[in-house]
Amino acid sequence: MKKRASCKSLFYLVFLSLPVFAFFFSMFIGSFPVHPRELLDLIASHIFGYSTSYPEVYNTVIFQVRLPRVLLGMMVGASLSISGATFQGIFRNPLVSPYILGLSSGAAFGAALSLAFLPGTSIQLAAFFFSLLAVGLTYFMATTRRSTPVVSLVLAGVIVSAVFDALLALIQIAVSERALQSIVYWIMGSLGTASWSKIYSAFPLFALGCTIMLLLRWRLNVLALGDEEARSVGLNPELYKIVFIIAASLAASSAVAVAGVIGLVGLIVPHMLRMIFGPDHRTLIPLSLTFGASFLVLVDDFARAGMGFEVPVGVITTLVGAPFFAYLLRSVRSGGWE
């Protein structure tokens, strides 16, 4: 028994440290070869302020192309995964993703609106605003008599998603061919346009949402038992549902706004971890943060270097996640998650 516990603790530490290995591995992936010694020397020169004799192209490739893409990928993966784990705890269902409340549909509509008719506005700002608007409408529709039943939230999310999808379709019909290509590419989800400005704009909301979920994660264990059980131990389920939904929506919205709709990461990563480490959110939430960051950046490595051309990372995650989703349907039907 002690040996099994020590093995699990070691496995836990390995998963927590995965982002470090994923980061350095991803920094070497690309058509421009960089030696590990050169990479470490360049990073150290920027940290400690000394000059190097490397050509300027090294600085451009490392600090303007690869580093922002790797950091953005890790931030987006962490946001979607921790939000997915939180929503699954609130809804007590492993088939829930961060997009269940209409967040992705609202973001896609906002981005399309900006690309098609408001070229002077920020795509990220429009996507973020409409994603939160969609979540707010969903919660408003589902709330009755100061309570918010889970089933009502899901149904309201379906309705809000359908409305924004219809509005998105109208925009796609009305716009020019060039604007339509931009909209479709954005909806696919990609890290190809990563930049420092995107990281700076998304990081504050990402940090705020993730910090709230990490600090309050033990309360998810109580919420997962049901509303009556939560009230019996003195926890206000409606209050904490609102807090967790806002925190998870902030993190997921900031990710979608800068990277587009990257499918199924928030679904498969938390469930993989739940199968390995169990349903305790005190463990699951921090692991979702670290493993989600590592998972998405490694998938993006394959998306940009595994073929002769770059594939949007959202396409790869959907192709990987769809079979896993089918497995989840079968296991849940047989009571596997319970």
Protein backbone atom coordinates (compact mmCIF):
# COMPACT_ATOMS: atom_id res chain seq x y z
CA MET A 1 0.00 0.00 0.00
CA LYS A 2 2.81 2.40 0.89
CA LYS A 3 4.63 1.50 -2.31
CA ARG A 4 1.53 2.29 -4.37
CA ALA A 5 1.09 5.64 -2.60
CA SER A 6 4.74 6.58 -3.18
CA CYS A 7 4.43 5.62 -6.88
CA LYS A 8 1.35 7.79 -7.22
CA SER A 9 3.11 10.72 -5.53
CA LEU A 10 6.05 10.36 -7.90
CA PHE A 11 3.70 10.21 -10.87
CA TYR A 12 1.97 13.34 -9.56
CA LEU A 13 5.28 15.23 -9.40
CA VAL A 14 6.18 14.08 -12.92
CA PHE A 15 2.90 15.44 -14.30
CA LEU A 16 3.38 18.73 -12.44
CA SER A 17 6.84 19.17 -14.00
CA LEU A 18 5.79 18.25 -17.55
CA PRO A 19 5.55 21.89 -18.76
CA VAL A 20 9.30 22.35 -18.19
CA PHE A 21 10.17 19.44 -20.48
CA ALA A 22 7.49 20.36 -23.02
CA PHE A 23 8.77 23.92 -23.14
CA PHE A 24 12.39 23.08 -23.91
CA PHE A 25 11.43 20.31 -26.33
CA SER A 26 9.11 22.65 -28.25
CA MET A 27 11.74 25.38 -28.49
CA PHE A 28 13.87 23.07 -30.66
CA ILE A 29 11.04 22.15 -33.05
CA GLY A 30 11.10 24.00 -36.36
CA SER A 31 12.80 24.35 -39.72
CA PHE A 32 15.54 26.56 -38.26
CA PRO A 33 17.98 24.37 -36.27
CA VAL A 34 19.07 25.62 -32.85
CA HIS A 35 21.57 23.80 -30.64
CA PRO A 36 20.63 23.40 -26.95
CA ARG A 37 23.74 25.31 -25.89
CA GLU A 38 22.83 28.19 -28.22
CA LEU A 39 19.27 28.29 -26.91
CA LEU A 40 20.36 28.39 -23.27
CA ASP A 41 22.99 31.02 -24.05
CA LEU A 42 20.46 33.25 -25.84
CA ILE A 43 17.89 32.94 -23.05
CA ALA A 44 20.54 33.68 -20.42
CA SER A 45 21.73 36.72 -22.38
CA HIS A 46 18.23 38.21 -22.30
CA ILE A 47 17.79 37.46 -18.60
CA PHE A 48 21.19 38.73 -17.42
CA GLY A 49 21.69 41.42 -20.06
CA TYR A 50 24.96 40.40 -21.69
CA SER A 51 25.56 40.41 -25.47
CA THR A 52 26.25 37.42 -27.72
CA SER A 53 27.86 36.98 -31.13
CA TYR A 54 24.97 35.07 -32.67
CA PRO A 55 23.40 36.49 -35.87
CA GLU A 56 20.23 38.51 -35.45
CA VAL A 57 18.20 35.74 -37.08
CA TYR A 58 18.67 33.65 -33.92
CA ASN A 59 17.03 36.33 -31.79
CA THR A 60 14.18 36.66 -34.28
CA VAL A 61 13.47 32.94 -34.48
CA ILE A 62 13.74 32.30 -30.74
CA PHE A 63 12.19 35.41 -29.21
CA GLN A 64 9.75 36.59 -31.87
CA VAL A 65 8.53 33.31 -33.35
CA ARG A 66 9.04 30.25 -31.16
CA LEU A 67 8.96 31.62 -27.62
CA PRO A 68 5.64 33.53 -27.93
CA ARG A 69 4.06 30.57 -29.73
CA VAL A 70 5.16 28.06 -27.11
CA LEU A 71 4.10 30.30 -24.21
CA LEU A 72 0.75 31.10 -25.82
CA GLY A 73 0.13 27.41 -26.52
CA MET A 74 0.86 26.51 -22.91
CA MET A 75 -1.38 29.28 -21.64
CA VAL A 76 -4.27 28.32 -23.93
CA GLY A 77 -3.94 24.61 -23.12
CA ALA A 78 -3.83 25.30 -19.40
CA SER A 79 -6.86 27.63 -19.61
CA LEU A 80 -9.06 25.19 -21.53
CA SER A 81 -8.06 22.19 -19.41
CA ILE A 82 -8.55 23.77 -15.99
CA SER A 83 -11.83 25.32 -17.14
CA GLY A 84 -12.98 21.94 -18.44
CA ALA A 85 -12.15 20.25 -15.14
CA THR A 86 -14.05 22.96 -13.26
CA PHE A 87 -17.15 22.73 -15.46
CA GLN A 88 -17.12 18.95 -15.21
CA GLY A 89 -17.08 19.27 -11.43
CA ILE A 90 -19.94 21.78 -11.40
CA PHE A 91 -22.10 19.80 -13.82
CA ARG A 92 -21.02 16.44 -12.37
CA ASN A 93 -20.51 15.09 -15.87
CA PRO A 94 -17.28 14.20 -17.71
CA LEU A 95 -18.80 15.01 -21.10
CA VAL A 96 -18.85 18.73 -20.32
CA SER A 97 -16.34 21.11 -21.89
CA PRO A 98 -15.61 24.85 -21.40
CA TYR A 99 -17.81 25.58 -24.42
CA ILE A 100 -21.00 24.14 -22.90
CA LEU A 101 -22.43 27.57 -22.01
CA GLY A 102 -22.10 29.00 -25.53
CA LEU A 103 -18.68 30.53 -24.98
CA SER A 104 -17.12 29.31 -28.24
CA SER A 105 -20.11 30.27 -30.38
CA GLY A 106 -20.18 33.76 -28.92
CA ALA A 107 -16.44 34.17 -29.45
CA ALA A 108 -16.68 32.94 -33.05
CA PHE A 109 -19.47 35.41 -33.76
CA GLY A 110 -17.52 38.28 -32.20
CA ALA A 111 -14.39 37.46 -34.19
CA ALA A 112 -16.38 37.13 -37.42
CA LEU A 113 -18.14 40.43 -36.77
CA SER A 114 -14.79 42.14 -36.26
CA LEU A 115 -13.19 40.55 -39.33
CA ALA A 116 -16.14 41.24 -41.62
CA PHE A 117 -17.60 44.60 -40.62
CA LEU A 118 -15.37 46.22 -37.99
CA PRO A 119 -11.82 46.07 -39.40
CA GLY A 120 -10.54 48.76 -37.06
CA THR A 121 -11.51 46.87 -33.90
CA SER A 122 -9.50 44.23 -32.09
CA ILE A 123 -10.49 40.67 -33.00
CA GLN A 124 -9.41 39.47 -29.58
CA LEU A 125 -11.48 42.09 -27.77
CA ALA A 126 -14.59 41.36 -29.85
CA ALA A 127 -14.22 37.60 -29.36
CA PHE A 128 -13.71 38.01 -25.62
CA PHE A 129 -16.66 40.37 -25.21
CA PHE A 130 -19.13 38.16 -27.08
CA SER A 131 -17.91 34.99 -25.39
CA LEU A 132 -18.66 36.46 -21.98
CA LEU A 133 -21.93 37.87 -23.31
CA ALA A 134 -22.95 34.36 -24.39
CA VAL A 135 -22.12 32.93 -20.97
CA GLY A 136 -24.02 35.76 -19.27
CA LEU A 137 -27.10 35.19 -21.43
CA THR A 138 -26.97 31.47 -20.71
CA TYR A 139 -26.82 32.01 -16.97
CA PHE A 140 -29.59 34.65 -17.09
CA MET A 141 -31.87 32.32 -19.06
CA ALA A 142 -31.24 29.36 -16.74
CA THR A 143 -31.72 31.21 -13.44
CA THR A 144 -35.21 31.00 -11.94
CA ARG A 145 -36.26 31.89 -8.41
CA ARG A 146 -32.67 32.45 -7.28
CA SER A 147 -31.61 28.95 -8.31
CA THR A 148 -29.79 27.69 -11.36
CA PRO A 149 -30.50 24.03 -12.12
CA VAL A 150 -27.74 22.23 -14.02
CA VAL A 151 -30.16 20.94 -16.66
CA SER A 152 -31.45 24.46 -17.27
CA LEU A 153 -27.87 25.72 -17.72
CA VAL A 154 -27.12 23.03 -20.29
CA LEU A 155 -30.32 23.67 -22.23
CA ALA A 156 -29.79 27.44 -22.14
CA GLY A 157 -26.23 26.91 -23.37
CA VAL A 158 -27.52 24.88 -26.32
CA ILE A 159 -30.01 27.61 -27.22
CA VAL A 160 -27.49 30.45 -26.93
CA SER A 161 -24.94 28.48 -28.98
CA ALA A 162 -27.54 27.87 -31.69
CA VAL A 163 -28.44 31.56 -31.88
CA PHE A 164 -24.82 32.69 -32.18
CA ASP A 165 -24.10 29.92 -34.72
CA ALA A 166 -27.01 31.18 -36.82
CA LEU A 167 -25.74 34.76 -36.62
CA LEU A 168 -22.27 33.51 -37.60
CA ALA A 169 -23.77 31.76 -40.63
CA LEU A 170 -25.44 35.01 -41.70
CA ILE A 171 -22.11 36.81 -41.53
CA GLN A 172 -20.39 34.08 -43.55
CA ILE A 173 -23.02 34.40 -46.25
CA ALA A 174 -22.73 38.19 -46.44
CA VAL A 175 -18.95 38.72 -46.40
CA SER A 176 -16.38 38.70 -49.17
CA GLU A 177 -14.37 35.62 -50.04
CA ARG A 178 -11.21 36.97 -48.39
CA ALA A 179 -13.01 37.79 -45.14
CA LEU A 180 -14.68 34.37 -45.20
CA GLN A 181 -11.29 32.66 -45.41
CA SER A 182 -10.08 34.62 -42.38
CA ILE A 183 -13.21 33.72 -40.41
CA VAL A 184 -12.96 30.01 -41.23
CA TYR A 185 -9.26 29.93 -40.33
CA TRP A 186 -9.94 31.65 -37.00
CA ILE A 187 -12.75 29.23 -36.15
CA MET A 188 -10.41 26.27 -36.79
CA GLY A 189 -8.18 27.38 -33.90
CA SER A 190 -4.52 28.08 -34.48
CA LEU A 191 -1.40 29.30 -32.70
CA GLY A 192 0.21 30.43 -35.95
CA THR A 193 -0.45 34.10 -35.25
CA ALA A 194 1.06 34.02 -31.75
CA SER A 195 2.67 37.26 -30.60
CA TRP A 196 3.76 38.97 -27.41
CA SER A 197 0.80 41.36 -27.63
CA LYS A 198 -1.63 38.41 -27.50
CA ILE A 199 0.15 36.99 -24.47
CA TYR A 200 0.09 40.34 -22.68
CA SER A 201 -3.62 40.85 -23.42
CA ALA A 202 -4.72 37.35 -22.35
CA PHE A 203 -2.44 36.71 -19.37
CA PRO A 204 -4.15 38.91 -16.72
CA LEU A 205 -7.55 37.23 -17.19
CA PHE A 206 -5.94 33.82 -17.50
CA ALA A 207 -4.06 34.37 -14.24
CA LEU A 208 -7.12 35.72 -12.43
CA GLY A 209 -9.41 32.87 -13.47
CA CYS A 210 -6.87 30.14 -12.80
CA THR A 211 -5.92 31.59 -9.41
CA ILE A 212 -9.56 31.55 -8.26
CA MET A 213 -10.03 27.96 -9.42
CA LEU A 214 -6.81 26.83 -7.74
CA LEU A 215 -7.55 28.53 -4.44
CA LEU A 216 -11.15 27.27 -4.21
CA ARG A 217 -10.64 23.86 -5.82
CA TRP A 218 -11.51 21.87 -2.70
CA ARG A 219 -15.03 23.31 -2.83
CA LEU A 220 -15.55 21.58 -6.18
CA ASN A 221 -15.42 18.28 -4.31
CA VAL A 222 -18.43 19.42 -2.28
CA LEU A 223 -20.32 20.81 -5.29
CA ALA A 224 -19.76 17.54 -7.15
CA LEU A 225 -21.79 15.77 -4.43
CA GLY A 226 -24.92 17.76 -5.29
CA ASP A 227 -26.70 20.87 -4.03
CA GLU A 228 -28.39 19.24 -1.05
CA GLU A 229 -25.15 17.70 0.22
CA ALA A 230 -23.35 21.04 -0.24
CA ARG A 231 -25.98 22.87 1.83
CA SER A 232 -25.82 20.21 4.54
CA VAL A 233 -22.13 21.07 5.16
CA GLY A 234 -22.76 24.83 5.14
CA LEU A 235 -21.70 25.61 1.55
CA ASN A 236 -23.81 27.90 -0.62
CA PRO A 237 -23.91 26.01 -3.94
CA GLU A 238 -25.44 28.85 -5.97
CA LEU A 239 -22.78 31.32 -4.85
CA TYR A 240 -19.88 29.02 -5.64
CA LYS A 241 -21.40 27.95 -8.94
CA ILE A 242 -21.38 31.61 -9.97
CA VAL A 243 -17.81 32.09 -8.76
CA PHE A 244 -16.52 29.02 -10.58
CA ILE A 245 -18.46 29.75 -13.77
CA ILE A 246 -17.08 33.30 -13.87
CA ALA A 247 -13.52 32.15 -13.16
CA ALA A 248 -13.63 29.31 -15.70
CA SER A 249 -15.28 31.54 -18.31
CA LEU A 250 -12.64 34.26 -17.85
CA ALA A 251 -9.81 31.76 -18.37
CA ALA A 252 -11.45 29.98 -21.31
CA SER A 253 -12.59 33.25 -22.96
CA SER A 254 -9.09 34.70 -22.80
CA ALA A 255 -7.79 31.55 -24.50
CA VAL A 256 -10.42 31.46 -27.23
CA ALA A 257 -10.01 35.17 -27.93
CA VAL A 258 -6.32 34.81 -28.83
CA ALA A 259 -6.26 31.32 -30.39
CA GLY A 260 -9.71 30.64 -31.82
CA VAL A 261 -11.88 27.63 -31.07
CA ILE A 262 -9.58 24.72 -30.19
CA GLY A 263 -11.85 21.76 -29.70
CA LEU A 264 -11.97 18.97 -27.12
CA VAL A 265 -8.87 19.93 -25.07
CA GLY A 266 -11.06 20.92 -22.14
CA LEU A 267 -12.91 17.63 -22.46
CA ILE A 268 -10.24 14.96 -22.85
CA VAL A 269 -7.41 16.29 -20.66
CA PRO A 270 -9.37 16.46 -17.36
CA HIS A 271 -10.89 13.06 -17.98
CA MET A 272 -7.52 11.46 -18.75
CA LEU A 273 -6.22 12.83 -15.47
CA ARG A 274 -9.33 11.72 -13.62
CA MET A 275 -8.81 8.16 -14.85
CA ILE A 276 -5.19 8.20 -13.65
CA PHE A 277 -5.38 10.17 -10.39
CA GLY A 278 -9.02 9.97 -9.37
CA PRO A 279 -11.80 12.60 -8.98
CA ASP A 280 -10.29 14.66 -6.14
CA HIS A 281 -10.26 18.24 -7.45
CA ARG A 282 -7.50 19.23 -5.05
CA THR A 283 -5.25 17.12 -7.27
CA LEU A 284 -7.16 17.33 -10.53
CA ILE A 285 -7.21 21.12 -10.90
CA PRO A 286 -3.43 21.78 -10.66
CA LEU A 287 -2.71 18.73 -12.84
CA SER A 288 -5.17 20.01 -15.46
CA LEU A 289 -3.22 23.25 -15.50
CA THR A 290 0.18 21.62 -16.08
CA PHE A 291 -0.80 18.68 -18.26
CA GLY A 292 -3.14 20.81 -20.38
CA ALA A 293 -0.30 23.25 -21.06
CA SER A 294 2.04 20.41 -22.04
CA PHE A 295 -0.56 18.58 -24.12
CA LEU A 296 -1.52 21.49 -26.35
CA VAL A 297 2.00 22.72 -26.99
CA LEU A 298 3.14 19.20 -27.97
CA VAL A 299 0.15 18.79 -30.28
CA ASP A 300 1.03 22.15 -31.81
CA ASP A 301 4.60 20.90 -32.37
CA PHE A 302 3.14 18.14 -34.51
CA ALA A 303 0.74 20.56 -36.22
CA ARG A 304 3.56 22.85 -37.36
CA ALA A 305 6.36 20.34 -37.96
CA GLY A 306 4.81 16.89 -38.38
CA MET A 307 3.78 17.47 -42.00
CA GLY A 308 5.08 19.42 -44.94
CA PHE A 309 2.62 22.22 -44.20
CA GLU A 310 1.14 23.75 -41.06
CA VAL A 311 -2.22 22.46 -39.88
CA PRO A 312 -4.38 24.49 -37.44
CA VAL A 313 -3.92 22.91 -34.04
CA GLY A 314 -7.69 22.87 -33.49
CA VAL A 315 -8.03 20.37 -36.34
CA ILE A 316 -5.49 18.01 -34.75
CA THR A 317 -7.04 18.19 -31.28
CA THR A 318 -10.47 17.41 -32.75
CA LEU A 319 -9.15 14.42 -34.70
CA VAL A 320 -7.43 13.16 -31.54
CA GLY A 321 -10.31 13.97 -29.23
CA ALA A 322 -13.22 12.60 -31.28
CA PRO A 323 -12.36 8.90 -30.73
CA PHE A 324 -11.74 9.62 -27.06
CA PHE A 325 -15.11 11.34 -26.84
CA ALA A 326 -16.74 8.22 -28.29
CA TYR A 327 -15.01 6.17 -25.61
CA LEU A 328 -16.32 8.54 -22.94
CA LEU A 329 -19.88 8.10 -24.17
CA ARG A 330 -19.59 4.35 -23.83
CA SER A 331 -17.89 4.42 -20.43
CA VAL A 332 -20.32 6.95 -18.98
CA ARG A 333 -23.25 4.94 -20.24
CA SER A 334 -21.95 2.00 -18.26
CA GLY A 335 -21.34 4.15 -15.19
CA GLY A 336 -17.56 4.27 -15.63
CA TRP A 337 -17.16 7.84 -14.37
CA GLU A 338 -19.25 7.35 -11.30
